[in-house]
Amino acid sequence: MCLAVPMKVVSVKGNTAVAEFGGLKKEVNVELVAGVKKGDYLIIHAGCAIEKLDRDYAEETLSLLGGLKK
């Protein structure tokens, strides 16, 4: 099973961004998503951004995922 997770963009350089989730930073390819900028939330799957998310929706989803750890 594969899981795509929301991550917050902390920097962008060309078609590559650094995105963060739960303290983990990962370099991701953003070539498939137009206009990615610092502060955006993206759905990341297999190292590639596949969709931009609304900030409120992303933060709600992250909160729900955080509850699964307990």
PDB file of N, CA and C in Angstrom:
ATOM      1  N   MET A   1       0.834  -1.170   0.000  1.00  0.00           N
ATOM      2  CA  MET A   1       0.000   0.000   0.000  1.00  0.00           C
ATOM      3  C   MET A   1       0.883   1.240   0.000  1.00  0.00           C
ATOM      4  N   CYS A   2       0.476   2.245  -0.742  1.00  0.00           N
ATOM      5  CA  CYS A   2       1.204   3.511  -0.805  1.00  0.00           C
ATOM      6  C   CYS A   2       0.404   4.582  -0.089  1.00  0.00           C
ATOM      7  N   LEU A   3       1.109   5.537   0.460  1.00  0.00           N
ATOM      8  CA  LEU A   3       0.475   6.637   1.171  1.00  0.00           C
ATOM      9  C   LEU A   3       1.080   7.945   0.694  1.00  0.00           C
ATOM     10  N   ALA A   4       0.221   8.872   0.288  1.00  0.00           N
ATOM     11  CA  ALA A   4       0.671  10.220  -0.055  1.00  0.00           C
ATOM     12  C   ALA A   4       0.364  11.102   1.143  1.00  0.00           C
ATOM     13  N   VAL A   5       1.302  11.940   1.529  1.00  0.00           N
ATOM     14  CA  VAL A   5       1.120  12.770   2.721  1.00  0.00           C
ATOM     15  C   VAL A   5       1.258  14.248   2.388  1.00  0.00           C
ATOM     16  N   PRO A   6       0.543  15.118   3.139  1.00  0.00           N
ATOM     17  CA  PRO A   6       0.732  16.552   2.949  1.00  0.00           C
ATOM     18  C   PRO A   6       2.044  17.002   3.583  1.00  0.00           C
ATOM     19  N   MET A   7       2.769  17.845   2.858  1.00  0.00           N
ATOM     20  CA  MET A   7       4.020  18.390   3.375  1.00  0.00           C
ATOM     21  C   MET A   7       4.053  19.885   3.068  1.00  0.00           C
ATOM     22  N   LYS A   8       4.709  20.649   3.953  1.00  0.00           N
ATOM     23  CA  LYS A   8       4.826  22.094   3.773  1.00  0.00           C
ATOM     24  C   LYS A   8       6.155  22.418   3.098  1.00  0.00           C
ATOM     25  N   VAL A   9       6.109  23.255   2.078  1.00  0.00           N
ATOM     26  CA  VAL A   9       7.305  23.644   1.333  1.00  0.00           C
ATOM     27  C   VAL A   9       8.102  24.655   2.156  1.00  0.00           C
ATOM     28  N   VAL A  10       9.383  24.350   2.360  1.00  0.00           N
ATOM     29  CA  VAL A  10      10.254  25.273   3.097  1.00  0.00           C
ATOM     30  C   VAL A  10      11.237  26.001   2.179  1.00  0.00           C
ATOM     31  N   SER A  11      11.465  25.476   0.964  1.00  0.00           N
ATOM     32  CA  SER A  11      12.280  26.179  -0.025  1.00  0.00           C
ATOM     33  C   SER A  11      12.031  25.572  -1.401  1.00  0.00           C
ATOM     34  N   VAL A  12      12.276  26.401  -2.423  1.00  0.00           N
ATOM     35  CA  VAL A  12      12.079  25.953  -3.809  1.00  0.00           C
ATOM     36  C   VAL A  12      13.264  26.421  -4.640  1.00  0.00           C
ATOM     37  N   LYS A  13      13.768  25.525  -5.487  1.00  0.00           N
ATOM     38  CA  LYS A  13      14.834  25.880  -6.428  1.00  0.00           C
ATOM     39  C   LYS A  13      14.565  25.115  -7.713  1.00  0.00           C
ATOM     40  N   GLY A  14      14.090  25.822  -8.727  1.00  0.00           N
ATOM     41  CA  GLY A  14      13.764  25.178  -9.994  1.00  0.00           C
ATOM     42  C   GLY A  14      12.620  24.195  -9.823  1.00  0.00           C
ATOM     43  N   ASN A  15      12.828  22.974 -10.307  1.00  0.00           N
ATOM     44  CA  ASN A  15      11.807  21.918 -10.217  1.00  0.00           C
ATOM     45  C   ASN A  15      11.957  21.063  -8.959  1.00  0.00           C
ATOM     46  N   THR A  16      12.736  21.553  -8.001  1.00  0.00           N
ATOM     47  CA  THR A  16      12.959  20.815  -6.763  1.00  0.00           C
ATOM     48  C   THR A  16      12.584  21.703  -5.572  1.00  0.00           C
ATOM     49  N   ALA A  17      11.988  21.088  -4.580  1.00  0.00           N
ATOM     50  CA  ALA A  17      11.652  21.809  -3.345  1.00  0.00           C
ATOM     51  C   ALA A  17      12.078  20.958  -2.161  1.00  0.00           C
ATOM     52  N   VAL A  18      12.253  21.615  -1.031  1.00  0.00           N
ATOM     53  CA  VAL A  18      12.418  20.908   0.227  1.00  0.00           C
ATOM     54  C   VAL A  18      11.101  21.077   0.963  1.00  0.00           C
ATOM     55  N   ALA A  19      10.515  19.954   1.355  1.00  0.00           N
ATOM     56  CA  ALA A  19       9.234  19.963   2.049  1.00  0.00           C
ATOM     57  C   ALA A  19       9.398  19.270   3.392  1.00  0.00           C
ATOM     58  N   GLU A  20       8.547  19.670   4.375  1.00  0.00           N
ATOM     59  CA  GLU A  20       8.668  19.178   5.740  1.00  0.00           C
ATOM     60  C   GLU A  20       7.364  18.565   6.223  1.00  0.00           C
ATOM     61  N   PHE A  21       7.506  17.470   6.956  1.00  0.00           N
ATOM     62  CA  PHE A  21       6.371  16.803   7.600  1.00  0.00           C
ATOM     63  C   PHE A  21       6.857  16.235   8.926  1.00  0.00           C
ATOM     64  N   GLY A  22       6.290  16.712  10.022  1.00  0.00           N
ATOM     65  CA  GLY A  22       6.646  16.179  11.339  1.00  0.00           C
ATOM     66  C   GLY A  22       8.117  16.252  11.677  1.00  0.00           C
ATOM     67  N   GLY A  23       8.792  17.311  11.242  1.00  0.00           N
ATOM     68  CA  GLY A  23      10.213  17.472  11.521  1.00  0.00           C
ATOM     69  C   GLY A  23      11.132  16.815  10.498  1.00  0.00           C
ATOM     70  N   LEU A  24      10.579  16.005   9.603  1.00  0.00           N
ATOM     71  CA  LEU A  24      11.353  15.350   8.558  1.00  0.00           C
ATOM     72  C   LEU A  24      11.347  16.228   7.314  1.00  0.00           C
ATOM     73  N   LYS A  25      12.530  16.541   6.793  1.00  0.00           N
ATOM     74  CA  LYS A  25      12.645  17.334   5.571  1.00  0.00           C
ATOM     75  C   LYS A  25      13.078  16.415   4.440  1.00  0.00           C
ATOM     76  N   LYS A  26      12.458  16.628   3.269  1.00  0.00           N
ATOM     77  CA  LYS A  26      12.739  15.770   2.126  1.00  0.00           C
ATOM     78  C   LYS A  26      12.783  16.614   0.869  1.00  0.00           C
ATOM     79  N   GLU A  27      13.742  16.319   0.006  1.00  0.00           N
ATOM     80  CA  GLU A  27      13.808  16.964  -1.292  1.00  0.00           C
ATOM     81  C   GLU A  27      12.795  16.277  -2.203  1.00  0.00           C
ATOM     82  N   VAL A  28      11.947  17.071  -2.856  1.00  0.00           N
ATOM     83  CA  VAL A  28      10.891  16.507  -3.698  1.00  0.00           C
ATOM     84  C   VAL A  28      10.874  17.185  -5.067  1.00  0.00           C
ATOM     85  N   ASN A  29      10.398  16.466  -6.060  1.00  0.00           N
ATOM     86  CA  ASN A  29      10.242  16.988  -7.410  1.00  0.00           C
ATOM     87  C   ASN A  29       8.886  17.687  -7.497  1.00  0.00           C
ATOM     88  N   VAL A  30       8.864  18.940  -7.977  1.00  0.00           N
ATOM     89  CA  VAL A  30       7.617  19.697  -8.087  1.00  0.00           C
ATOM     90  C   VAL A  30       7.245  20.004  -9.536  1.00  0.00           C
ATOM     91  N   GLU A  31       7.841  19.289 -10.453  1.00  0.00           N
ATOM     92  CA  GLU A  31       7.634  19.529 -11.875  1.00  0.00           C
ATOM     93  C   GLU A  31       6.176  19.375 -12.312  1.00  0.00           C
ATOM     94  N   LEU A  32       5.406  18.531 -11.634  1.00  0.00           N
ATOM     95  CA  LEU A  32       4.020  18.268 -12.031  1.00  0.00           C
ATOM     96  C   LEU A  32       3.018  19.281 -11.485  1.00  0.00           C
ATOM     97  N   VAL A  33       3.471  20.173 -10.594  1.00  0.00           N
ATOM     98  CA  VAL A  33       2.579  21.140  -9.960  1.00  0.00           C
ATOM     99  C   VAL A  33       3.071  22.552 -10.279  1.00  0.00           C
ATOM    100  N   ALA A  34       2.208  23.368 -10.864  1.00  0.00           N
ATOM    101  CA  ALA A  34       2.602  24.714 -11.289  1.00  0.00           C
ATOM    102  C   ALA A  34       2.623  25.691 -10.115  1.00  0.00           C
ATOM    103  N   GLY A  35       3.579  26.610 -10.152  1.00  0.00           N
ATOM    104  CA  GLY A  35       3.605  27.739  -9.236  1.00  0.00           C
ATOM    105  C   GLY A  35       3.861  27.427  -7.776  1.00  0.00           C
ATOM    106  N   VAL A  36       4.652  26.418  -7.494  1.00  0.00           N
ATOM    107  CA  VAL A  36       4.940  26.052  -6.106  1.00  0.00           C
ATOM    108  C   VAL A  36       5.847  27.110  -5.478  1.00  0.00           C
ATOM    109  N   LYS A  37       5.467  27.540  -4.253  1.00  0.00           N
ATOM    110  CA  LYS A  37       6.277  28.528  -3.541  1.00  0.00           C
ATOM    111  C   LYS A  37       6.381  28.161  -2.065  1.00  0.00           C
ATOM    112  N   LYS A  38       7.338  28.773  -1.390  1.00  0.00           N
ATOM    113  CA  LYS A  38       7.556  28.538   0.039  1.00  0.00           C
ATOM    114  C   LYS A  38       6.247  28.788   0.790  1.00  0.00           C
ATOM    115  N   GLY A  39       5.921  27.873   1.711  1.00  0.00           N
ATOM    116  CA  GLY A  39       4.705  27.993   2.503  1.00  0.00           C
ATOM    117  C   GLY A  39       3.535  27.202   1.953  1.00  0.00           C
ATOM    118  N   ASP A  40       3.606  26.777   0.685  1.00  0.00           N
ATOM    119  CA  ASP A  40       2.545  25.951   0.107  1.00  0.00           C
ATOM    120  C   ASP A  40       2.512  24.581   0.769  1.00  0.00           C
ATOM    121  N   TYR A  41       1.353  23.978   0.773  1.00  0.00           N
ATOM    122  CA  TYR A  41       1.210  22.590   1.204  1.00  0.00           C
ATOM    123  C   TYR A  41       0.974  21.742  -0.034  1.00  0.00           C
ATOM    124  N   LEU A  42       1.688  20.631  -0.120  1.00  0.00           N
ATOM    125  CA  LEU A  42       1.606  19.736  -1.274  1.00  0.00           C
ATOM    126  C   LEU A  42       1.334  18.318  -0.818  1.00  0.00           C
ATOM    127  N   ILE A  43       0.660  17.569  -1.676  1.00  0.00           N
ATOM    128  CA  ILE A  43       0.568  16.122  -1.472  1.00  0.00           C
ATOM    129  C   ILE A  43       1.794  15.529  -2.158  1.00  0.00           C
ATOM    130  N   ILE A  44       2.575  14.770  -1.393  1.00  0.00           N
ATOM    131  CA  ILE A  44       3.804  14.163  -1.907  1.00  0.00           C
ATOM    132  C   ILE A  44       3.631  12.655  -1.950  1.00  0.00           C
ATOM    133  N   HIS A  45       3.949  12.074  -3.092  1.00  0.00           N
ATOM    134  CA  HIS A  45       3.913  10.615  -3.248  1.00  0.00           C
ATOM    135  C   HIS A  45       5.173  10.188  -3.990  1.00  0.00           C
ATOM    136  N   ALA A  46       5.903   9.275  -3.402  1.00  0.00           N
ATOM    137  CA  ALA A  46       7.118   8.722  -4.017  1.00  0.00           C
ATOM    138  C   ALA A  46       8.097   9.806  -4.446  1.00  0.00           C
ATOM    139  N   GLY A  47       8.215  10.857  -3.616  1.00  0.00           N
ATOM    140  CA  GLY A  47       9.183  11.906  -3.883  1.00  0.00           C
ATOM    141  C   GLY A  47       8.748  12.955  -4.883  1.00  0.00           C
ATOM    142  N   CYS A  48       7.480  12.900  -5.310  1.00  0.00           N
ATOM    143  CA  CYS A  48       6.964  13.866  -6.279  1.00  0.00           C
ATOM    144  C   CYS A  48       5.724  14.565  -5.737  1.00  0.00           C
ATOM    145  N   ALA A  49       5.652  15.868  -5.945  1.00  0.00           N
ATOM    146  CA  ALA A  49       4.444  16.615  -5.604  1.00  0.00           C
ATOM    147  C   ALA A  49       3.391  16.287  -6.649  1.00  0.00           C
ATOM    148  N   ILE A  50       2.185  15.958  -6.190  1.00  0.00           N
ATOM    149  CA  ILE A  50       1.126  15.628  -7.151  1.00  0.00           C
ATOM    150  C   ILE A  50      -0.069  16.577  -7.076  1.00  0.00           C
ATOM    151  N   GLU A  51      -0.125  17.416  -6.013  1.00  0.00           N
ATOM    152  CA  GLU A  51      -1.251  18.342  -5.892  1.00  0.00           C
ATOM    153  C   GLU A  51      -0.964  19.375  -4.811  1.00  0.00           C
ATOM    154  N   LYS A  52      -1.449  20.615  -5.029  1.00  0.00           N
ATOM    155  CA  LYS A  52      -1.414  21.639  -3.989  1.00  0.00           C
ATOM    156  C   LYS A  52      -2.648  21.469  -3.121  1.00  0.00           C
ATOM    157  N   LEU A  53      -2.507  21.804  -1.835  1.00  0.00           N
ATOM    158  CA  LEU A  53      -3.626  21.732  -0.907  1.00  0.00           C
ATOM    159  C   LEU A  53      -3.912  23.100  -0.319  1.00  0.00           C
ATOM    160  N   ASP A  54      -5.174  23.337   0.006  1.00  0.00           N
ATOM    161  CA  ASP A  54      -5.590  24.501   0.761  1.00  0.00           C
ATOM    162  C   ASP A  54      -4.953  24.398   2.159  1.00  0.00           C
ATOM    163  N   ARG A  55      -4.447  25.504   2.683  1.00  0.00           N
ATOM    164  CA  ARG A  55      -3.748  25.510   3.975  1.00  0.00           C
ATOM    165  C   ARG A  55      -4.610  24.921   5.093  1.00  0.00           C
ATOM    166  N   ASP A  56      -5.861  25.342   5.209  1.00  0.00           N
ATOM    167  CA  ASP A  56      -6.725  24.849   6.289  1.00  0.00           C
ATOM    168  C   ASP A  56      -6.947  23.343   6.180  1.00  0.00           C
ATOM    169  N   TYR A  57      -7.194  22.868   4.968  1.00  0.00           N
ATOM    170  CA  TYR A  57      -7.408  21.432   4.768  1.00  0.00           C
ATOM    171  C   TYR A  57      -6.142  20.645   5.108  1.00  0.00           C
ATOM    172  N   ALA A  58      -4.997  21.164   4.666  1.00  0.00           N
ATOM    173  CA  ALA A  58      -3.728  20.482   4.941  1.00  0.00           C
ATOM    174  C   ALA A  58      -3.466  20.402   6.440  1.00  0.00           C
ATOM    175  N   GLU A  59      -3.672  21.512   7.152  1.00  0.00           N
ATOM    176  CA  GLU A  59      -3.416  21.522   8.592  1.00  0.00           C
ATOM    177  C   GLU A  59      -4.381  20.600   9.339  1.00  0.00           C
ATOM    178  N   GLU A  60      -5.631  20.534   8.889  1.00  0.00           N
ATOM    179  CA  GLU A  60      -6.596  19.612   9.494  1.00  0.00           C
ATOM    180  C   GLU A  60      -6.165  18.159   9.264  1.00  0.00           C
ATOM    181  N   THR A  61      -5.734  17.848   8.061  1.00  0.00           N
ATOM    182  CA  THR A  61      -5.275  16.497   7.732  1.00  0.00           C
ATOM    183  C   THR A  61      -4.054  16.126   8.554  1.00  0.00           C
ATOM    184  N   LEU A  62      -3.096  17.042   8.680  1.00  0.00           N
ATOM    185  CA  LEU A  62      -1.903  16.784   9.488  1.00  0.00           C
ATOM    186  C   LEU A  62      -2.250  16.549  10.950  1.00  0.00           C
ATOM    187  N   SER A  63      -3.221  17.289  11.446  1.00  0.00           N
ATOM    188  CA  SER A  63      -3.671  17.104  12.817  1.00  0.00           C
ATOM    189  C   SER A  63      -4.267  15.704  13.014  1.00  0.00           C
ATOM    190  N   LEU A  64      -5.070  15.274  12.066  1.00  0.00           N
ATOM    191  CA  LEU A  64      -5.659  13.930  12.133  1.00  0.00           C
ATOM    192  C   LEU A  64      -4.587  12.850  12.053  1.00  0.00           C
ATOM    193  N   LEU A  65      -3.609  13.034  11.173  1.00  0.00           N
ATOM    194  CA  LEU A  65      -2.526  12.062  11.059  1.00  0.00           C
ATOM    195  C   LEU A  65      -1.708  12.003  12.350  1.00  0.00           C
ATOM    196  N   GLY A  66      -1.520  13.167  12.998  1.00  0.00           N
ATOM    197  CA  GLY A  66      -0.791  13.211  14.257  1.00  0.00           C
ATOM    198  C   GLY A  66      -1.492  12.403  15.341  1.00  0.00           C
ATOM    199  N   GLY A  67      -2.798  12.349  15.300  1.00  0.00           N
ATOM    200  CA  GLY A  67      -3.559  11.574  16.263  1.00  0.00           C
ATOM    201  C   GLY A  67      -3.417  10.086  16.099  1.00  0.00           C
ATOM    202  N   LEU A  68      -2.971   9.637  14.944  1.00  0.00           N
ATOM    203  CA  LEU A  68      -2.800   8.192  14.704  1.00  0.00           C
ATOM    204  C   LEU A  68      -1.600   7.629  15.439  1.00  0.00           C
ATOM    205  N   LYS A  69      -0.633   8.473  15.809  1.00  0.00           N
ATOM    206  CA  LYS A  69       0.578   8.004  16.493  1.00  0.00           C
ATOM    207  C   LYS A  69       0.289   7.507  17.894  1.00  0.00           C
ATOM    208  N   LYS A  70      -0.758   7.987  18.506  1.00  0.00           N
ATOM    209  CA  LYS A  70      -1.047   7.673  19.908  1.00  0.00           C
ATOM    210  C   LYS A  70      -1.706   6.347  20.096  1.00  0.00           C
TER     211      LYS A  70
END
